[in-house]
């Protein structure tokens, strides 16, 4: 999936413009990537188009540690990075980006291939959110 299609997917789910979708995607990508091992994060990056890969790898550090957090903290972190007004808005953004990422990775249910590898590294609360994102909006 190319960047334009990805952003349209996110924008359509959130009823926002592509520029806003890109900012929200950046925030979610940063937080999700930091919850994966560096090797898994590199595997995800390898499957993304170049512009999406740039969003995914921005601000990454090779010496980083995996951040183990549950859903509420993850949503709060996305809200803070994206300067969103509340957790409900952040939750909608996370679900939209997770769904688009699953599609980009060729996983209609969030349980196939690279999407499954992401799922397997997430803590329980984020696993639930990952799977809920695969459902139709």
Protein backbone atom coordinates (compact mmCIF):
# COMPACT_ATOMS: atom_id res chain seq x y z
CA UNK A 1 0.00 0.00 0.00
CA UNK A 2 1.40 3.39 -0.94
CA UNK A 3 1.39 6.42 1.35
CA UNK A 4 -1.48 8.16 -0.42
CA UNK A 5 -3.76 5.13 -0.09
CA UNK A 6 -2.71 4.65 3.53
CA UNK A 7 -3.46 8.27 4.44
CA UNK A 8 -6.80 8.16 2.64
CA UNK A 9 -7.70 5.06 4.65
CA UNK A 10 -6.83 6.80 7.93
CA UNK A 11 -8.49 10.08 6.86
CA UNK A 12 -11.64 8.26 5.78
CA UNK A 13 -11.96 6.47 9.10
CA UNK A 14 -11.40 9.70 11.04
CA UNK A 15 -13.18 12.08 8.68
CA UNK A 16 -10.17 14.37 8.48
CA UNK A 17 -7.83 15.58 5.74
CA UNK A 18 -4.71 13.71 4.60
CA UNK A 19 -2.38 16.14 6.39
CA UNK A 20 -4.07 15.47 9.73
CA UNK A 21 -4.04 11.74 8.97
CA UNK A 22 -0.28 11.91 8.43
CA UNK A 23 0.30 13.62 11.77
CA UNK A 24 -1.82 11.06 13.58
CA UNK A 25 -0.11 8.21 11.74
CA UNK A 26 3.27 9.57 12.83
CA UNK A 27 2.18 9.66 16.49
CA UNK A 28 0.75 6.13 16.44
CA UNK A 29 3.71 4.74 14.51
CA UNK A 30 6.18 6.17 17.05
CA UNK A 31 4.33 4.67 19.99
CA UNK A 32 3.68 1.29 18.35
CA UNK A 33 7.24 0.93 17.11
CA UNK A 34 8.59 1.60 20.61
CA UNK A 35 6.52 -1.32 21.93
CA UNK A 36 8.25 -3.74 19.53
CA UNK A 37 11.75 -5.13 19.60
CA UNK A 38 14.16 -3.30 17.28
CA UNK A 39 14.29 -6.41 15.06
CA UNK A 40 10.51 -6.61 14.77
CA UNK A 41 10.29 -2.87 14.12
CA UNK A 42 12.85 -3.28 11.30
CA UNK A 43 10.81 -6.16 9.86
CA UNK A 44 7.71 -3.93 9.79
CA UNK A 45 9.66 -1.08 8.18
CA UNK A 46 10.90 -3.41 5.45
CA UNK A 47 7.29 -4.02 4.36
CA UNK A 48 6.26 -0.37 4.19
CA UNK A 49 6.53 1.99 1.23
CA UNK A 50 9.38 4.48 1.51
CA UNK A 51 7.30 7.46 2.78
CA UNK A 52 5.56 5.27 5.38
CA UNK A 53 8.91 3.77 6.35
CA UNK A 54 10.20 7.29 7.03
CA UNK A 55 7.25 7.96 9.36
CA UNK A 56 7.82 4.60 11.06
CA UNK A 57 11.57 5.00 11.62
CA UNK A 58 11.64 8.71 12.53
CA UNK A 59 13.08 9.29 15.99
CA UNK A 60 14.00 5.62 16.42
CA UNK A 61 17.21 4.81 18.25
CA UNK A 62 19.15 1.55 17.81
CA UNK A 63 19.78 1.35 21.58
CA UNK A 64 16.16 1.81 22.66
CA UNK A 65 14.41 -0.58 25.00
CA UNK A 66 10.95 -2.01 24.40
CA UNK A 67 8.32 0.02 26.24
CA UNK A 68 5.81 -2.31 27.88
CA UNK A 69 2.58 -0.43 28.50
CA UNK A 70 -1.07 -1.21 28.46
CA UNK A 71 -3.87 0.43 26.51
CA UNK A 72 -4.57 3.48 28.70
CA UNK A 73 -0.94 4.61 28.77
CA UNK A 74 -0.53 3.96 25.04
CA UNK A 75 -3.64 6.04 24.26
CA UNK A 76 -2.42 8.80 26.57
CA UNK A 77 0.99 8.84 24.90
CA UNK A 78 -0.60 9.13 21.45
CA UNK A 79 -2.88 11.90 22.73
CA UNK A 80 0.11 13.83 24.07
CA UNK A 81 2.30 13.45 20.96
CA UNK A 82 -0.54 14.32 18.57
CA UNK A 83 -1.85 17.14 20.82
CA UNK A 84 -5.35 15.66 20.86
CA UNK A 85 -8.07 17.01 23.12
CA UNK A 86 -9.02 13.76 24.84
CA UNK A 87 -8.42 10.03 25.07
CA UNK A 88 -11.50 9.21 22.97
CA UNK A 89 -10.03 11.11 20.03
CA UNK A 90 -6.68 9.37 20.54
CA UNK A 91 -8.42 5.98 20.66
CA UNK A 92 -10.14 6.66 17.33
CA UNK A 93 -6.79 7.67 15.81
CA UNK A 94 -5.06 4.55 17.10
CA UNK A 95 -7.76 2.26 15.73
CA UNK A 96 -7.70 4.01 12.34
CA UNK A 97 -3.92 3.76 12.02
CA UNK A 98 -3.81 0.17 13.30
CA UNK A 99 -6.47 -0.82 10.73
CA UNK A 100 -4.61 0.90 7.89
CA UNK A 101 -1.32 -0.68 8.98
CA UNK A 102 -2.91 -4.12 9.06
CA UNK A 103 -4.16 -3.56 5.50
CA UNK A 104 -0.73 -2.29 4.41
CA UNK A 105 0.80 -5.48 5.80
CA UNK A 106 -1.71 -7.61 3.88
CA UNK A 107 -3.61 -8.72 6.96
CA UNK A 108 -7.40 -8.34 6.76
CA UNK A 109 -7.90 -9.66 10.31
CA UNK A 110 -4.73 -8.46 12.05
CA UNK A 111 -3.68 -12.09 12.50
CA UNK A 112 -1.69 -12.84 9.35
CA UNK A 113 2.02 -12.55 8.60
CA UNK A 114 3.77 -9.44 9.87
CA UNK A 115 0.59 -8.20 11.57
CA UNK A 116 0.58 -11.38 13.67
CA UNK A 117 4.22 -10.77 14.58
CA UNK A 118 3.27 -7.30 15.86
CA UNK A 119 0.30 -8.72 17.76
CA UNK A 120 2.46 -11.38 19.42
CA UNK A 121 4.72 -8.72 20.97
CA UNK A 122 1.97 -6.51 22.37
CA UNK A 123 0.79 -6.61 25.99
CA UNK A 124 -2.74 -7.92 26.60
CA UNK A 125 -4.57 -4.55 26.48
CA UNK A 126 -2.87 -3.53 23.26
CA UNK A 127 -3.57 -6.95 21.76
CA UNK A 128 -7.27 -6.28 22.33
CA UNK A 129 -6.97 -2.86 20.69
CA UNK A 130 -5.03 -4.32 17.75
CA UNK A 131 -7.74 -6.93 17.14
CA UNK A 132 -10.61 -4.46 17.62
CA UNK A 133 -9.02 -2.27 14.96
CA UNK A 134 -9.37 -5.00 12.36
CA UNK A 135 -13.15 -4.80 12.65
CA UNK A 136 -15.08 -2.59 10.25
CA UNK A 137 -15.46 1.03 11.45
